[in-house]
Amino acid sequence: KTDAEGSQTKDKTMLIYDGSAILKNQKLVEQHFPEYKITYAKS
C-alpha cells in the first residue's frame, strides 16, 4: 500500500461537513488519517 516515495495509498474516502469553518488546520486531519482521501462537503 506504499508508493515509491513511501507514502501510504489513500484507499478510503472521508467526507467532512464543517459549516462554521471550525477546522482551521486541515493538514492536521490529513496527518491523523493518511489512508483517507478527505473531501469537505457543502452540506
PDB file of all heavy atoms in Angstrom:
ATOM      1  N   LYS A   1       0.808  -1.200   0.000  1.00  0.00           N
ATOM      2  CA  LYS A   1       0.000   0.000   0.000  1.00  0.00           C
ATOM      3  C   LYS A   1       0.848   1.260   0.000  1.00  0.00           C
ATOM      4  O   LYS A   1       0.356   2.347   0.229  1.00  0.00           O
ATOM      5  CB  LYS A   1      -0.929   0.016   1.229  1.00  0.00           C
ATOM      6  CG  LYS A   1      -1.981  -1.076   1.190  1.00  0.00           C
ATOM      7  CD  LYS A   1      -2.920  -0.945   2.366  1.00  0.00           C
ATOM      8  CE  LYS A   1      -3.994  -2.019   2.330  1.00  0.00           C
ATOM      9  NZ  LYS A   1      -4.924  -1.898   3.471  1.00  0.00           N
ATOM     10  N   THR A   2       2.141   1.121  -0.178  1.00  0.00           N
ATOM     11  CA  THR A   2       3.014   2.274  -0.202  1.00  0.00           C
ATOM     12  C   THR A   2       3.585   2.461  -1.581  1.00  0.00           C
ATOM     13  O   THR A   2       3.849   1.512  -2.301  1.00  0.00           O
ATOM     14  CB  THR A   2       4.167   2.097   0.805  1.00  0.00           C
ATOM     15  OG1 THR A   2       4.884   0.906   0.481  1.00  0.00           O
ATOM     16  CG2 THR A   2       3.616   1.964   2.221  1.00  0.00           C
ATOM     17  N   ASP A   3       3.756   3.722  -1.953  1.00  0.00           N
ATOM     18  CA  ASP A   3       4.317   4.012  -3.269  1.00  0.00           C
ATOM     19  C   ASP A   3       5.813   4.147  -3.164  1.00  0.00           C
ATOM     20  O   ASP A   3       6.419   3.896  -2.136  1.00  0.00           O
ATOM     21  CB  ASP A   3       3.685   5.283  -3.861  1.00  0.00           C
ATOM     22  CG  ASP A   3       3.837   6.479  -2.926  1.00  0.00           C
ATOM     23  OD1 ASP A   3       4.769   6.450  -2.083  1.00  0.00           O
ATOM     24  OD2 ASP A   3       3.037   7.433  -3.044  1.00  0.00           O
ATOM     25  N   ALA A   4       6.449   4.583  -4.266  1.00  0.00           N
ATOM     26  CA  ALA A   4       7.907   4.644  -4.324  1.00  0.00           C
ATOM     27  C   ALA A   4       8.472   5.632  -3.323  1.00  0.00           C
ATOM     28  O   ALA A   4       9.599   5.500  -2.868  1.00  0.00           O
ATOM     29  CB  ALA A   4       8.348   5.031  -5.733  1.00  0.00           C
ATOM     30  N   GLU A   5       7.707   6.644  -2.942  1.00  0.00           N
ATOM     31  CA  GLU A   5       8.180   7.644  -2.009  1.00  0.00           C
ATOM     32  C   GLU A   5       7.902   7.261  -0.570  1.00  0.00           C
ATOM     33  O   GLU A   5       8.242   7.978   0.365  1.00  0.00           O
ATOM     34  CB  GLU A   5       7.510   8.996  -2.308  1.00  0.00           C
ATOM     35  CG  GLU A   5       7.868   9.521  -3.702  1.00  0.00           C
ATOM     36  CD  GLU A   5       7.157  10.841  -3.979  1.00  0.00           C
ATOM     37  OE1 GLU A   5       6.365  11.267  -3.105  1.00  0.00           O
ATOM     38  OE2 GLU A   5       7.411  11.430  -5.020  1.00  0.00           O
ATOM     39  N   GLY A   6       7.242   6.133  -0.373  1.00  0.00           N
ATOM     40  CA  GLY A   6       6.963   5.661   0.975  1.00  0.00           C
ATOM     41  C   GLY A   6       5.676   6.203   1.555  1.00  0.00           C
ATOM     42  O   GLY A   6       5.376   5.986   2.723  1.00  0.00           O
ATOM     43  N   SER A   7       4.876   6.930   0.781  1.00  0.00           N
ATOM     44  CA  SER A   7       3.604   7.445   1.285  1.00  0.00           C
ATOM     45  C   SER A   7       2.518   6.402   1.116  1.00  0.00           C
ATOM     46  O   SER A   7       2.550   5.615   0.176  1.00  0.00           O
ATOM     47  CB  SER A   7       3.219   8.725   0.529  1.00  0.00           C
ATOM     48  OG  SER A   7       3.074   8.447  -0.845  1.00  0.00           O
ATOM     49  N   GLN A   8       1.554   6.405   2.026  1.00  0.00           N
ATOM     50  CA  GLN A   8       0.508   5.396   2.032  1.00  0.00           C
ATOM     51  C   GLN A   8      -0.564   5.713   1.000  1.00  0.00           C
ATOM     52  O   GLN A   8      -0.957   6.861   0.816  1.00  0.00           O
ATOM     53  CB  GLN A   8      -0.128   5.308   3.417  1.00  0.00           C
ATOM     54  CG  GLN A   8      -1.019   4.097   3.604  1.00  0.00           C
ATOM     55  CD  GLN A   8      -1.380   3.897   5.057  1.00  0.00           C
ATOM     56  OE1 GLN A   8      -1.095   4.723   5.890  1.00  0.00           O
ATOM     57  NE2 GLN A   8      -2.007   2.777   5.353  1.00  0.00           N
ATOM     58  N   THR A   9      -1.007   4.676   0.299  1.00  0.00           N
ATOM     59  CA  THR A   9      -2.055   4.849  -0.697  1.00  0.00           C
ATOM     60  C   THR A   9      -3.372   5.184  -0.017  1.00  0.00           C
ATOM     61  O   THR A   9      -3.750   4.544   0.954  1.00  0.00           O
ATOM     62  CB  THR A   9      -2.221   3.565  -1.523  1.00  0.00           C
ATOM     63  OG1 THR A   9      -0.965   3.237  -2.125  1.00  0.00           O
ATOM     64  CG2 THR A   9      -3.268   3.756  -2.602  1.00  0.00           C
ATOM     65  N   LYS A  10      -4.064   6.174  -0.530  1.00  0.00           N
ATOM     66  CA  LYS A  10      -5.343   6.589   0.043  1.00  0.00           C
ATOM     67  C   LYS A  10      -6.445   5.759  -0.596  1.00  0.00           C
ATOM     68  O   LYS A  10      -6.956   6.085  -1.665  1.00  0.00           O
ATOM     69  CB  LYS A  10      -5.558   8.082  -0.195  1.00  0.00           C
ATOM     70  CG  LYS A  10      -4.470   8.971   0.443  1.00  0.00           C
ATOM     71  CD  LYS A  10      -4.731  10.440   0.174  1.00  0.00           C
ATOM     72  CE  LYS A  10      -3.602  11.301   0.728  1.00  0.00           C
ATOM     73  NZ  LYS A  10      -3.482  11.230   2.180  1.00  0.00           N
ATOM     74  N   ASP A  11      -6.799   4.664   0.071  1.00  0.00           N
ATOM     75  CA  ASP A  11      -7.783   3.734  -0.488  1.00  0.00           C
ATOM     76  C   ASP A  11      -9.145   3.855   0.180  1.00  0.00           C
ATOM     77  O   ASP A  11     -10.034   3.054  -0.060  1.00  0.00           O
ATOM     78  CB  ASP A  11      -7.279   2.297  -0.371  1.00  0.00           C
ATOM     79  CG  ASP A  11      -6.927   1.928   1.059  1.00  0.00           C
ATOM     80  OD1 ASP A  11      -6.991   2.819   1.933  1.00  0.00           O
ATOM     81  OD2 ASP A  11      -6.601   0.751   1.295  1.00  0.00           O
ATOM     82  N   LYS A  12      -9.335   4.894   1.041  1.00  0.00           N
ATOM     83  CA  LYS A  12     -10.624   5.131   1.679  1.00  0.00           C
ATOM     84  C   LYS A  12     -11.041   6.583   1.467  1.00  0.00           C
ATOM     85  O   LYS A  12     -10.212   7.444   1.204  1.00  0.00           O
ATOM     86  CB  LYS A  12     -10.557   4.821   3.184  1.00  0.00           C
ATOM     87  CG  LYS A  12     -10.302   3.353   3.497  1.00  0.00           C
ATOM     88  CD  LYS A  12     -10.292   3.128   5.003  1.00  0.00           C
ATOM     89  CE  LYS A  12     -10.056   1.662   5.332  1.00  0.00           C
ATOM     90  NZ  LYS A  12     -10.045   1.428   6.800  1.00  0.00           N
ATOM     91  N   THR A  13     -12.335   6.822   1.619  1.00  0.00           N
ATOM     92  CA  THR A  13     -12.873   8.172   1.399  1.00  0.00           C
ATOM     93  C   THR A  13     -13.559   8.670   2.660  1.00  0.00           C
ATOM     94  O   THR A  13     -14.318   7.946   3.297  1.00  0.00           O
ATOM     95  CB  THR A  13     -13.886   8.163   0.240  1.00  0.00           C
ATOM     96  OG1 THR A  13     -13.238   7.660  -0.925  1.00  0.00           O
ATOM     97  CG2 THR A  13     -14.404   9.566  -0.031  1.00  0.00           C
ATOM     98  N   MET A  14     -13.279   9.945   2.994  1.00  0.00           N
ATOM     99  CA  MET A  14     -13.896  10.573   4.161  1.00  0.00           C
ATOM    100  C   MET A  14     -14.501  11.908   3.761  1.00  0.00           C
ATOM    101  O   MET A  14     -13.868  12.700   3.042  1.00  0.00           O
ATOM    102  CB  MET A  14     -12.860  10.790   5.270  1.00  0.00           C
ATOM    103  CG  MET A  14     -13.416  11.514   6.508  1.00  0.00           C
ATOM    104  SD  MET A  14     -12.129  11.942   7.701  1.00  0.00           S
ATOM    105  CE  MET A  14     -11.622  10.322   8.237  1.00  0.00           C
ATOM    106  N   LEU A  15     -15.725  12.150   4.223  1.00  0.00           N
ATOM    107  CA  LEU A  15     -16.402  13.424   3.983  1.00  0.00           C
ATOM    108  C   LEU A  15     -16.542  14.180   5.298  1.00  0.00           C
ATOM    109  O   LEU A  15     -16.916  13.591   6.320  1.00  0.00           O
ATOM    110  CB  LEU A  15     -17.794  13.190   3.378  1.00  0.00           C
ATOM    111  CG  LEU A  15     -17.859  12.908   1.866  1.00  0.00           C
ATOM    112  CD1 LEU A  15     -19.300  12.616   1.460  1.00  0.00           C
ATOM    113  CD2 LEU A  15     -17.335  14.090   1.074  1.00  0.00           C
ATOM    114  N   ILE A  16     -16.236  15.482   5.267  1.00  0.00           N
ATOM    115  CA  ILE A  16     -16.347  16.314   6.468  1.00  0.00           C
ATOM    116  C   ILE A  16     -17.204  17.527   6.152  1.00  0.00           C
ATOM    117  O   ILE A  16     -16.956  18.249   5.175  1.00  0.00           O
ATOM    118  CB  ILE A  16     -14.953  16.770   6.962  1.00  0.00           C
ATOM    119  CG1 ILE A  16     -14.081  15.559   7.322  1.00  0.00           C
ATOM    120  CG2 ILE A  16     -15.100  17.701   8.165  1.00  0.00           C
ATOM    121  CD1 ILE A  16     -12.662  15.927   7.715  1.00  0.00           C
ATOM    122  N   TYR A  17     -18.222  17.749   6.961  1.00  0.00           N
ATOM    123  CA  TYR A  17     -19.039  18.964   6.822  1.00  0.00           C
ATOM    124  C   TYR A  17     -18.681  19.904   7.968  1.00  0.00           C
ATOM    125  O   TYR A  17     -18.917  19.597   9.134  1.00  0.00           O
ATOM    126  CB  TYR A  17     -20.529  18.635   6.862  1.00  0.00           C
ATOM    127  CG  TYR A  17     -21.396  19.877   6.873  1.00  0.00           C
ATOM    128  CD1 TYR A  17     -21.388  20.764   5.791  1.00  0.00           C
ATOM    129  CD2 TYR A  17     -22.207  20.164   7.965  1.00  0.00           C
ATOM    130  CE1 TYR A  17     -22.170  21.906   5.812  1.00  0.00           C
ATOM    131  CE2 TYR A  17     -22.993  21.300   7.986  1.00  0.00           C
ATOM    132  CZ  TYR A  17     -22.969  22.179   6.907  1.00  0.00           C
ATOM    133  OH  TYR A  17     -23.740  23.329   6.921  1.00  0.00           O
ATOM    134  N   ASP A  18     -18.071  21.008   7.618  1.00  0.00           N
ATOM    135  CA  ASP A  18     -17.611  21.994   8.595  1.00  0.00           C
ATOM    136  C   ASP A  18     -18.242  23.344   8.244  1.00  0.00           C
ATOM    137  O   ASP A  18     -17.580  24.254   7.734  1.00  0.00           O
ATOM    138  CB  ASP A  18     -16.081  22.059   8.571  1.00  0.00           C
ATOM    139  CG  ASP A  18     -15.521  22.976   9.650  1.00  0.00           C
ATOM    140  OD1 ASP A  18     -16.268  23.318  10.581  1.00  0.00           O
ATOM    141  OD2 ASP A  18     -14.331  23.350   9.553  1.00  0.00           O
ATOM    142  N   GLY A  19     -19.546  23.434   8.535  1.00  0.00           N
ATOM    143  CA  GLY A  19     -20.302  24.625   8.140  1.00  0.00           C
ATOM    144  C   GLY A  19     -19.828  25.906   8.780  1.00  0.00           C
ATOM    145  O   GLY A  19     -19.934  26.980   8.181  1.00  0.00           O
ATOM    146  N   SER A  20     -19.270  25.816   9.972  1.00  0.00           N
ATOM    147  CA  SER A  20     -18.811  27.024  10.684  1.00  0.00           C
ATOM    148  C   SER A  20     -17.318  27.256  10.542  1.00  0.00           C
ATOM    149  O   SER A  20     -16.756  28.117  11.238  1.00  0.00           O
ATOM    150  CB  SER A  20     -19.174  26.902  12.174  1.00  0.00           C
ATOM    151  OG  SER A  20     -20.565  26.733  12.342  1.00  0.00           O
ATOM    152  N   ALA A  21     -16.687  26.494   9.682  1.00  0.00           N
ATOM    153  CA  ALA A  21     -15.244  26.636   9.425  1.00  0.00           C
ATOM    154  C   ALA A  21     -14.433  26.559  10.721  1.00  0.00           C
ATOM    155  O   ALA A  21     -13.566  27.389  11.006  1.00  0.00           O
ATOM    156  CB  ALA A  21     -14.960  27.946   8.682  1.00  0.00           C
ATOM    157  N   ILE A  22     -14.729  25.546  11.492  1.00  0.00           N
ATOM    158  CA  ILE A  22     -14.037  25.366  12.778  1.00  0.00           C
ATOM    159  C   ILE A  22     -12.670  24.713  12.583  1.00  0.00           C
ATOM    160  O   ILE A  22     -11.711  25.028  13.290  1.00  0.00           O
ATOM    161  CB  ILE A  22     -14.921  24.521  13.716  1.00  0.00           C
ATOM    162  CG1 ILE A  22     -16.209  25.291  14.045  1.00  0.00           C
ATOM    163  CG2 ILE A  22     -14.173  24.145  14.990  1.00  0.00           C
ATOM    164  CD1 ILE A  22     -17.235  24.471  14.776  1.00  0.00           C
ATOM    165  N   LEU A  23     -12.577  23.814  11.607  1.00  0.00           N
ATOM    166  CA  LEU A  23     -11.299  23.138  11.333  1.00  0.00           C
ATOM    167  C   LEU A  23     -10.357  24.082  10.599  1.00  0.00           C
ATOM    168  O   LEU A  23     -10.422  24.243   9.383  1.00  0.00           O
ATOM    169  CB  LEU A  23     -11.528  21.874  10.505  1.00  0.00           C
ATOM    170  CG  LEU A  23     -11.956  20.619  11.262  1.00  0.00           C
ATOM    171  CD1 LEU A  23     -12.232  19.488  10.288  1.00  0.00           C
ATOM    172  CD2 LEU A  23     -10.897  20.197  12.257  1.00  0.00           C
ATOM    173  N   LYS A  24      -9.484  24.711  11.341  1.00  0.00           N
ATOM    174  CA  LYS A  24      -8.543  25.657  10.742  1.00  0.00           C
ATOM    175  C   LYS A  24      -7.320  24.943  10.160  1.00  0.00           C
ATOM    176  O   LYS A  24      -6.754  25.364   9.163  1.00  0.00           O
ATOM    177  CB  LYS A  24      -8.068  26.655  11.808  1.00  0.00           C
ATOM    178  CG  LYS A  24      -9.193  27.382  12.531  1.00  0.00           C
ATOM    179  CD  LYS A  24      -9.984  28.274  11.600  1.00  0.00           C
ATOM    180  CE  LYS A  24     -11.051  29.051  12.387  1.00  0.00           C
ATOM    181  NZ  LYS A  24     -11.871  29.904  11.499  1.00  0.00           N
ATOM    182  N   ASN A  25      -6.934  23.849  10.815  1.00  0.00           N
ATOM    183  CA  ASN A  25      -5.723  23.137  10.405  1.00  0.00           C
ATOM    184  C   ASN A  25      -6.112  21.833   9.710  1.00  0.00           C
ATOM    185  O   ASN A  25      -6.217  20.782  10.334  1.00  0.00           O
ATOM    186  CB  ASN A  25      -4.852  22.850  11.629  1.00  0.00           C
ATOM    187  CG  ASN A  25      -3.470  22.339  11.253  1.00  0.00           C
ATOM    188  OD1 ASN A  25      -3.197  22.061  10.092  1.00  0.00           O
ATOM    189  ND2 ASN A  25      -2.602  22.237  12.247  1.00  0.00           N
ATOM    190  N   GLN A  26      -6.338  21.937   8.392  1.00  0.00           N
ATOM    191  CA  GLN A  26      -6.765  20.754   7.639  1.00  0.00           C
ATOM    192  C   GLN A  26      -5.624  19.750   7.462  1.00  0.00           C
ATOM    193  O   GLN A  26      -5.863  18.553   7.291  1.00  0.00           O
ATOM    194  CB  GLN A  26      -7.322  21.186   6.292  1.00  0.00           C
ATOM    195  CG  GLN A  26      -8.590  22.022   6.410  1.00  0.00           C
ATOM    196  CD  GLN A  26      -9.156  22.429   5.068  1.00  0.00           C
ATOM    197  OE1 GLN A  26      -8.593  22.108   4.015  1.00  0.00           O
ATOM    198  NE2 GLN A  26     -10.292  23.139   5.083  1.00  0.00           N
ATOM    199  N   LYS A  27      -4.393  20.215   7.526  1.00  0.00           N
ATOM    200  CA  LYS A  27      -3.254  19.300   7.419  1.00  0.00           C
ATOM    201  C   LYS A  27      -3.195  18.360   8.618  1.00  0.00           C
ATOM    202  O   LYS A  27      -2.707  17.234   8.514  1.00  0.00           O
ATOM    203  CB  LYS A  27      -1.950  20.097   7.317  1.00  0.00           C
ATOM    204  CG  LYS A  27      -1.763  20.786   5.973  1.00  0.00           C
ATOM    205  CD  LYS A  27      -0.390  21.423   5.886  1.00  0.00           C
ATOM    206  CE  LYS A  27      -0.172  22.059   4.516  1.00  0.00           C
ATOM    207  NZ  LYS A  27       1.167  22.699   4.405  1.00  0.00           N
ATOM    208  N   LEU A  28      -3.691  18.853   9.753  1.00  0.00           N
ATOM    209  CA  LEU A  28      -3.725  18.013  10.951  1.00  0.00           C
ATOM    210  C   LEU A  28      -4.641  16.803  10.736  1.00  0.00           C
ATOM    211  O   LEU A  28      -4.335  15.704  11.179  1.00  0.00           O
ATOM    212  CB  LEU A  28      -4.209  18.843  12.139  1.00  0.00           C
ATOM    213  CG  LEU A  28      -4.182  18.164  13.515  1.00  0.00           C
ATOM    214  CD1 LEU A  28      -2.755  17.781  13.898  1.00  0.00           C
ATOM    215  CD2 LEU A  28      -4.796  19.095  14.565  1.00  0.00           C
ATOM    216  N   VAL A  29      -5.750  17.019  10.040  1.00  0.00           N
ATOM    217  CA  VAL A  29      -6.666  15.922   9.724  1.00  0.00           C
ATOM    218  C   VAL A  29      -5.977  14.911   8.820  1.00  0.00           C
ATOM    219  O   VAL A  29      -6.088  13.693   9.012  1.00  0.00           O
ATOM    220  CB  VAL A  29      -7.945  16.460   9.052  1.00  0.00           C
ATOM    221  CG1 VAL A  29      -8.928  15.317   8.791  1.00  0.00           C
ATOM    222  CG2 VAL A  29      -8.607  17.526   9.904  1.00  0.00           C
ATOM    223  N   GLU A  30      -5.256  15.407   7.837  1.00  0.00           N
ATOM    224  CA  GLU A  30      -4.553  14.513   6.903  1.00  0.00           C
ATOM    225  C   GLU A  30      -3.467  13.705   7.611  1.00  0.00           C
ATOM    226  O   GLU A  30      -3.228  12.545   7.267  1.00  0.00           O
ATOM    227  CB  GLU A  30      -3.947  15.341   5.770  1.00  0.00           C
ATOM    228  CG  GLU A  30      -4.990  16.030   4.886  1.00  0.00           C
ATOM    229  CD  GLU A  30      -4.361  16.944   3.845  1.00  0.00           C
ATOM    230  OE1 GLU A  30      -3.106  17.035   3.840  1.00  0.00           O
ATOM    231  OE2 GLU A  30      -5.102  17.561   3.066  1.00  0.00           O
ATOM    232  N   GLN A  31      -2.830  14.302   8.607  1.00  0.00           N
ATOM    233  CA  GLN A  31      -1.794  13.580   9.357  1.00  0.00           C
ATOM    234  C   GLN A  31      -2.385  12.432  10.171  1.00  0.00           C
ATOM    235  O   GLN A  31      -1.777  11.371  10.302  1.00  0.00           O
ATOM    236  CB  GLN A  31      -1.065  14.545  10.294  1.00  0.00           C
ATOM    237  CG  GLN A  31      -0.187  15.552   9.566  1.00  0.00           C
ATOM    238  CD  GLN A  31       0.394  16.592  10.510  1.00  0.00           C
ATOM    239  OE1 GLN A  31       0.182  16.541  11.719  1.00  0.00           O
ATOM    240  NE2 GLN A  31       1.118  17.553   9.953  1.00  0.00           N
ATOM    241  N   HIS A  32      -3.585  12.639  10.708  1.00  0.00           N
ATOM    242  CA  HIS A  32      -4.226  11.603  11.510  1.00  0.00           C
ATOM    243  C   HIS A  32      -4.922  10.537  10.665  1.00  0.00           C
ATOM    244  O   HIS A  32      -5.180   9.433  11.136  1.00  0.00           O
ATOM    245  CB  HIS A  32      -5.255  12.230  12.473  1.00  0.00           C
ATOM    246  CG  HIS A  32      -4.650  12.818  13.698  1.00  0.00           C
ATOM    247  ND1 HIS A  32      -3.981  14.017  13.704  1.00  0.00           N
ATOM    248  CD2 HIS A  32      -4.577  12.352  14.994  1.00  0.00           C
ATOM    249  CE1 HIS A  32      -3.553  14.294  14.923  1.00  0.00           C
ATOM    250  NE2 HIS A  32      -3.901  13.303  15.727  1.00  0.00           N
ATOM    251  N   PHE A  33      -5.222  10.880   9.421  1.00  0.00           N
ATOM    252  CA  PHE A  33      -5.920   9.935   8.527  1.00  0.00           C
ATOM    253  C   PHE A  33      -5.180   9.827   7.193  1.00  0.00           C
ATOM    254  O   PHE A  33      -5.691  10.236   6.146  1.00  0.00           O
ATOM    255  CB  PHE A  33      -7.369  10.388   8.296  1.00  0.00           C
ATOM    256  CG  PHE A  33      -8.225  10.394   9.522  1.00  0.00           C
ATOM    257  CD1 PHE A  33      -8.396  11.559  10.269  1.00  0.00           C
ATOM    258  CD2 PHE A  33      -8.852   9.237   9.943  1.00  0.00           C
ATOM    259  CE1 PHE A  33      -9.183  11.565  11.404  1.00  0.00           C
ATOM    260  CE2 PHE A  33      -9.656   9.229  11.084  1.00  0.00           C
ATOM    261  CZ  PHE A  33      -9.815  10.399  11.812  1.00  0.00           C
ATOM    262  N   PRO A  34      -3.954   9.284   7.203  1.00  0.00           N
ATOM    263  CA  PRO A  34      -3.163   9.219   5.959  1.00  0.00           C
ATOM    264  C   PRO A  34      -3.745   8.273   4.904  1.00  0.00           C
ATOM    265  O   PRO A  34      -3.448   8.403   3.729  1.00  0.00           O
ATOM    266  CB  PRO A  34      -1.798   8.727   6.449  1.00  0.00           C
ATOM    267  CG  PRO A  34      -2.101   7.979   7.713  1.00  0.00           C
ATOM    268  CD  PRO A  34      -3.243   8.698   8.339  1.00  0.00           C
ATOM    269  N   GLU A  35      -4.580   7.316   5.333  1.00  0.00           N
ATOM    270  CA  GLU A  35      -5.125   6.346   4.394  1.00  0.00           C
ATOM    271  C   GLU A  35      -6.435   6.819   3.757  1.00  0.00           C
ATOM    272  O   GLU A  35      -7.003   6.121   2.906  1.00  0.00           O
ATOM    273  CB  GLU A  35      -5.337   4.994   5.090  1.00  0.00           C
ATOM    274  CG  GLU A  35      -6.538   4.906   6.022  1.00  0.00           C
ATOM    275  CD  GLU A  35      -6.267   5.441   7.417  1.00  0.00           C
ATOM    276  OE1 GLU A  35      -5.329   6.257   7.587  1.00  0.00           O
ATOM    277  OE2 GLU A  35      -6.995   5.061   8.348  1.00  0.00           O
ATOM    278  N   TYR A  36      -6.909   8.009   4.158  1.00  0.00           N
ATOM    279  CA  TYR A  36      -8.178   8.519   3.657  1.00  0.00           C
ATOM    280  C   TYR A  36      -7.969   9.641   2.643  1.00  0.00           C
ATOM    281  O   TYR A  36      -7.088  10.496   2.812  1.00  0.00           O
ATOM    282  CB  TYR A  36      -9.040   9.068   4.805  1.00  0.00           C
ATOM    283  CG  TYR A  36      -9.760   8.017   5.611  1.00  0.00           C
ATOM    284  CD1 TYR A  36      -9.156   7.419   6.714  1.00  0.00           C
ATOM    285  CD2 TYR A  36     -11.047   7.635   5.275  1.00  0.00           C
ATOM    286  CE1 TYR A  36      -9.818   6.462   7.468  1.00  0.00           C
ATOM    287  CE2 TYR A  36     -11.729   6.675   6.018  1.00  0.00           C
ATOM    288  CZ  TYR A  36     -11.101   6.096   7.111  1.00  0.00           C
ATOM    289  OH  TYR A  36     -11.765   5.153   7.845  1.00  0.00           O
ATOM    290  N   LYS A  37      -8.817   9.629   1.621  1.00  0.00           N
ATOM    291  CA  LYS A  37      -8.938  10.774   0.719  1.00  0.00           C
ATOM    292  C   LYS A  37     -10.027  11.666   1.312  1.00  0.00           C
ATOM    293  O   LYS A  37     -11.198  11.299   1.351  1.00  0.00           O
ATOM    294  CB  LYS A  37      -9.329  10.316  -0.685  1.00  0.00           C
ATOM    295  CG  LYS A  37      -9.474  11.464  -1.672  1.00  0.00           C
ATOM    296  CD  LYS A  37      -9.908  10.949  -3.039  1.00  0.00           C
ATOM    297  CE  LYS A  37     -10.087  12.119  -4.006  1.00  0.00           C
ATOM    298  NZ  LYS A  37     -10.539  11.663  -5.348  1.00  0.00           N
ATOM    299  N   ILE A  38      -9.633  12.833   1.797  1.00  0.00           N
ATOM    300  CA  ILE A  38     -10.536  13.687   2.566  1.00  0.00           C
ATOM    301  C   ILE A  38     -11.162  14.748   1.674  1.00  0.00           C
ATOM    302  O   ILE A  38     -10.465  15.481   0.955  1.00  0.00           O
ATOM    303  CB  ILE A  38      -9.787  14.343   3.736  1.00  0.00           C
ATOM    304  CG1 ILE A  38      -9.213  13.241   4.645  1.00  0.00           C
ATOM    305  CG2 ILE A  38     -10.713  15.269   4.527  1.00  0.00           C
ATOM    306  CD1 ILE A  38      -8.281  13.761   5.706  1.00  0.00           C
ATOM    307  N   THR A  39     -12.495  14.827   1.721  1.00  0.00           N
ATOM    308  CA  THR A  39     -13.252  15.811   0.950  1.00  0.00           C
ATOM    309  C   THR A  39     -14.173  16.575   1.890  1.00  0.00           C
ATOM    310  O   THR A  39     -14.772  15.973   2.793  1.00  0.00           O
ATOM    311  CB  THR A  39     -14.098  15.126  -0.145  1.00  0.00           C
ATOM    312  OG1 THR A  39     -13.236  14.331  -0.969  1.00  0.00           O
ATOM    313  CG2 THR A  39     -14.817  16.164  -1.013  1.00  0.00           C
ATOM    314  N   TYR A  40     -14.280  17.879   1.686  1.00  0.00           N
ATOM    315  CA  TYR A  40     -15.139  18.714   2.526  1.00  0.00           C
ATOM    316  C   TYR A  40     -16.466  18.949   1.814  1.00  0.00           C
ATOM    317  O   TYR A  40     -16.520  19.510   0.717  1.00  0.00           O
ATOM    318  CB  TYR A  40     -14.444  20.032   2.863  1.00  0.00           C
ATOM    319  CG  TYR A  40     -13.285  19.817   3.823  1.00  0.00           C
ATOM    320  CD1 TYR A  40     -12.021  19.456   3.348  1.00  0.00           C
ATOM    321  CD2 TYR A  40     -13.460  19.914   5.190  1.00  0.00           C
ATOM    322  CE1 TYR A  40     -10.969  19.222   4.222  1.00  0.00           C
ATOM    323  CE2 TYR A  40     -12.418  19.688   6.079  1.00  0.00           C
ATOM    324  CZ  TYR A  40     -11.175  19.338   5.584  1.00  0.00           C
ATOM    325  OH  TYR A  40     -10.139  19.098   6.449  1.00  0.00           O
ATOM    326  N   ALA A  41     -17.533  18.470   2.448  1.00  0.00           N
ATOM    327  CA  ALA A  41     -18.865  18.535   1.854  1.00  0.00           C
ATOM    328  C   ALA A  41     -19.478  19.925   2.017  1.00  0.00           C
ATOM    329  O   ALA A  41     -19.132  20.676   2.939  1.00  0.00           O
ATOM    330  CB  ALA A  41     -19.771  17.484   2.489  1.00  0.00           C
ATOM    331  N   LYS A  42     -20.415  20.225   1.127  1.00  0.00           N
ATOM    332  CA  LYS A  42     -21.101  21.531   1.166  1.00  0.00           C
ATOM    333  C   LYS A  42     -22.329  21.500   2.064  1.00  0.00           C
ATOM    334  O   LYS A  42     -22.837  22.562   2.443  1.00  0.00           O
ATOM    335  CB  LYS A  42     -21.497  21.941  -0.248  1.00  0.00           C
ATOM    336  CG  LYS A  42     -20.296  22.172  -1.177  1.00  0.00           C
ATOM    337  CD  LYS A  42     -20.754  22.567  -2.572  1.00  0.00           C
ATOM    338  CE  LYS A  42     -19.561  22.799  -3.494  1.00  0.00           C
ATOM    339  NZ  LYS A  42     -19.991  23.186  -4.868  1.00  0.00           N
ATOM    340  N   SER A  43     -22.806  20.305   2.346  1.00  0.00           N
ATOM    341  CA  SER A  43     -23.994  20.202   3.202  1.00  0.00           C
ATOM    342  C   SER A  43     -23.937  18.914   4.017  1.00  0.00           C
ATOM    343  O   SER A  43     -23.226  17.965   3.661  1.00  0.00           O
ATOM    344  CB  SER A  43     -25.273  20.225   2.361  1.00  0.00           C
ATOM    345  OG  SER A  43     -25.334  19.065   1.532  1.00  0.00           O
TER     346      SER A  43
END
